[in-house]
Each structure stands twice: as C-alpha cells, then as structure tokens.
Amino acid sequence: MITVVIDTNILFSALISPNSNIARLLTHTSLPIRRITCHYTMVELFKHQTKIIKNSKKSFEQIVDDYYTLLNCLELHNEFLIEKSHWQEAERLTIGVDAFDISYVALTLQTDGVL
C-alpha cells in the first residue's frame, strides 16, 4: 500500500470542488492508498473556512458535510510524533519554500510516503 501525504492546498481544492478528480481520489476508499495529513491541516482549513465557502459557492452546512466526508478518508498524524531527524531533513529540503510545507515533508519522510 502506498502512503500519500495530503497537504492543505489539496484538501482546500477538494472542498471547493467536491466533484473534482482530486476530491474523488481522496474519497475513493477502495483505492489501495493510505491517505494521511498533519493535524495542522485542520487548523488551516478552519482558518480559511470563509474563503472556502466563498469559492465553493456553498453554504456553511454543505462545506461541513464535505469536510466530514474528507476527514473520514484521512488519517491524521500528530506532528509531535515525527522524529527529530526527519524534521531536520525537511527543514533542509524546504529552505526557500513555504515554511508551512515543512511538516508535510517531515511527515512524508517519517512514513516513507509520497507528497
């Protein structure tokens, strides 16, 4: 089974367009992939809920339903459980890139997954 680390931007896209290919891949539970993300993703999605509602042209209730569907297909991983060596390598790999990506890179290293 392949482990796929899902970042906030992918989930943001899936919430805005729940009928898109991305959303279908994330919610298609019979695919032999392990879908994981960081706890921090939940903070980011809640922080940008107004933007998600506006861009999706859906009600808050509809977005909550879509959010629930996505969460049921994901495994949340606590960033505090990622080994220090993976954080250090992720920091090296993300120099000059969005600082928020470091946790996804560290999680990818920790799980030997793909980002």
Protein backbone atom coordinates (compact mmCIF):
# COMPACT_ATOMS: atom_id res chain seq x y z
CA MET A 1 0.00 0.00 0.00
CA ILE A 2 1.27 3.46 -0.90
CA THR A 3 1.19 6.22 1.71
CA VAL A 4 0.21 9.59 0.30
CA VAL A 5 0.69 12.72 2.40
CA ILE A 6 -2.05 15.23 1.58
CA ASP A 7 -1.29 18.89 2.15
CA THR A 8 -3.73 21.67 2.94
CA ASN A 9 -3.88 23.00 -0.62
CA ILE A 10 -5.12 19.66 -1.93
CA LEU A 11 -7.84 19.48 0.72
CA PHE A 12 -8.73 23.11 0.09
CA SER A 13 -9.21 22.24 -3.59
CA ALA A 14 -11.28 19.18 -2.76
CA LEU A 15 -13.58 21.24 -0.54
CA ILE A 16 -14.07 23.92 -3.16
CA SER A 17 -14.75 21.35 -5.88
CA PRO A 18 -16.04 18.14 -4.24
CA ASN A 19 -16.83 16.60 -7.64
CA SER A 20 -13.31 17.16 -8.97
CA ASN A 21 -10.87 14.35 -9.73
CA ILE A 22 -8.84 15.30 -6.67
CA ALA A 23 -11.85 15.03 -4.37
CA ARG A 24 -12.90 11.73 -5.93
CA LEU A 25 -9.41 10.26 -5.45
CA LEU A 26 -9.35 11.37 -1.84
CA THR A 27 -12.74 9.87 -1.05
CA HIS A 28 -12.49 6.69 -3.15
CA THR A 29 -11.85 4.33 -0.25
CA SER A 30 -11.32 1.19 -2.33
CA LEU A 31 -8.05 2.53 -3.77
CA PRO A 32 -5.05 0.85 -2.13
CA ILE A 33 -3.57 4.05 -0.72
CA ARG A 34 -3.14 5.32 2.80
CA ARG A 35 -4.12 8.99 2.89
CA ILE A 36 -2.53 10.92 5.75
CA THR A 37 -2.15 14.53 6.74
CA CYS A 38 -0.89 16.59 9.66
CA HIS A 39 -3.08 17.82 12.49
CA TYR A 40 -2.09 21.33 11.45
CA THR A 41 -4.15 20.89 8.27
CA MET A 42 -7.33 21.05 10.32
CA VAL A 43 -6.28 24.41 11.76
CA GLU A 44 -5.56 25.78 8.30
CA LEU A 45 -8.87 24.62 6.86
CA PHE A 46 -10.84 26.12 9.74
CA LYS A 47 -8.85 29.33 9.46
CA HIS A 48 -9.80 29.65 5.79
CA GLN A 49 -13.37 28.43 6.03
CA THR A 50 -14.80 31.77 4.87
CA LYS A 51 -12.66 31.64 1.75
CA ILE A 52 -13.65 28.01 1.11
CA ILE A 53 -17.36 28.86 1.44
CA LYS A 54 -17.00 31.86 -0.85
CA ASN A 55 -15.05 30.00 -3.56
CA SER A 56 -17.20 26.88 -3.44
CA LYS A 57 -20.43 28.91 -3.52
CA LYS A 58 -21.87 26.52 -0.96
CA SER A 59 -23.43 27.02 2.43
CA PHE A 60 -21.51 26.52 5.64
CA GLU A 61 -23.55 23.35 6.27
CA GLN A 62 -22.65 21.91 2.87
CA ILE A 63 -18.96 22.61 3.43
CA VAL A 64 -19.13 20.96 6.86
CA ASP A 65 -20.64 17.85 5.21
CA ASP A 66 -17.88 17.80 2.57
CA TYR A 67 -15.28 18.38 5.27
CA TYR A 68 -16.66 15.45 7.27
CA THR A 69 -16.53 13.21 4.19
CA LEU A 70 -12.88 14.12 3.56
CA LEU A 71 -11.87 13.65 7.19
CA ASN A 72 -13.33 10.16 7.22
CA CYS A 73 -10.96 9.23 4.40
CA LEU A 74 -7.84 10.66 6.05
CA GLU A 75 -5.57 9.54 8.81
CA LEU A 76 -4.44 12.46 10.96
CA HIS A 77 -0.86 12.32 12.15
CA ASN A 78 0.40 14.21 15.17
CA GLU A 79 3.43 16.28 14.15
CA PHE A 80 4.93 15.84 17.63
CA LEU A 81 5.45 12.15 16.84
CA ILE A 82 7.70 12.86 13.86
CA GLU A 83 11.34 12.04 14.58
CA LYS A 84 13.76 14.92 15.01
CA SER A 85 15.97 13.69 12.16
CA HIS A 86 13.02 13.93 9.75
CA TRP A 87 12.31 17.50 10.88
CA GLN A 88 15.94 18.41 10.28
CA GLU A 89 15.95 16.89 6.80
CA ALA A 90 12.61 18.51 5.98
CA GLU A 91 13.98 21.87 7.06
CA ARG A 92 16.96 21.40 4.76
CA LEU A 93 14.71 20.40 1.85
CA THR A 94 12.29 23.29 2.29
CA ILE A 95 14.75 26.16 2.62
CA GLY A 96 13.37 28.99 0.49
CA VAL A 97 9.98 27.29 0.14
CA ASP A 98 6.76 27.95 2.06
CA ALA A 99 7.60 27.39 5.73
CA PHE A 100 4.25 25.64 6.26
CA ASP A 101 5.36 22.82 3.96
CA ILE A 102 7.98 21.58 6.41
CA SER A 103 5.51 19.48 8.41
CA TYR A 104 4.25 17.71 5.27
CA VAL A 105 7.79 16.98 4.11
CA ALA A 106 8.74 15.70 7.59
CA LEU A 107 5.63 13.51 7.65
CA THR A 108 6.46 12.18 4.20
CA LEU A 109 9.95 11.25 5.40
CA GLN A 110 8.57 9.71 8.61
CA THR A 111 6.10 7.49 6.74
CA ASP A 112 8.25 6.79 3.68
CA GLY A 113 5.33 8.13 1.67
CA VAL A 114 4.85 10.42 -1.29
CA LEU A 115 3.79 14.04 -1.07
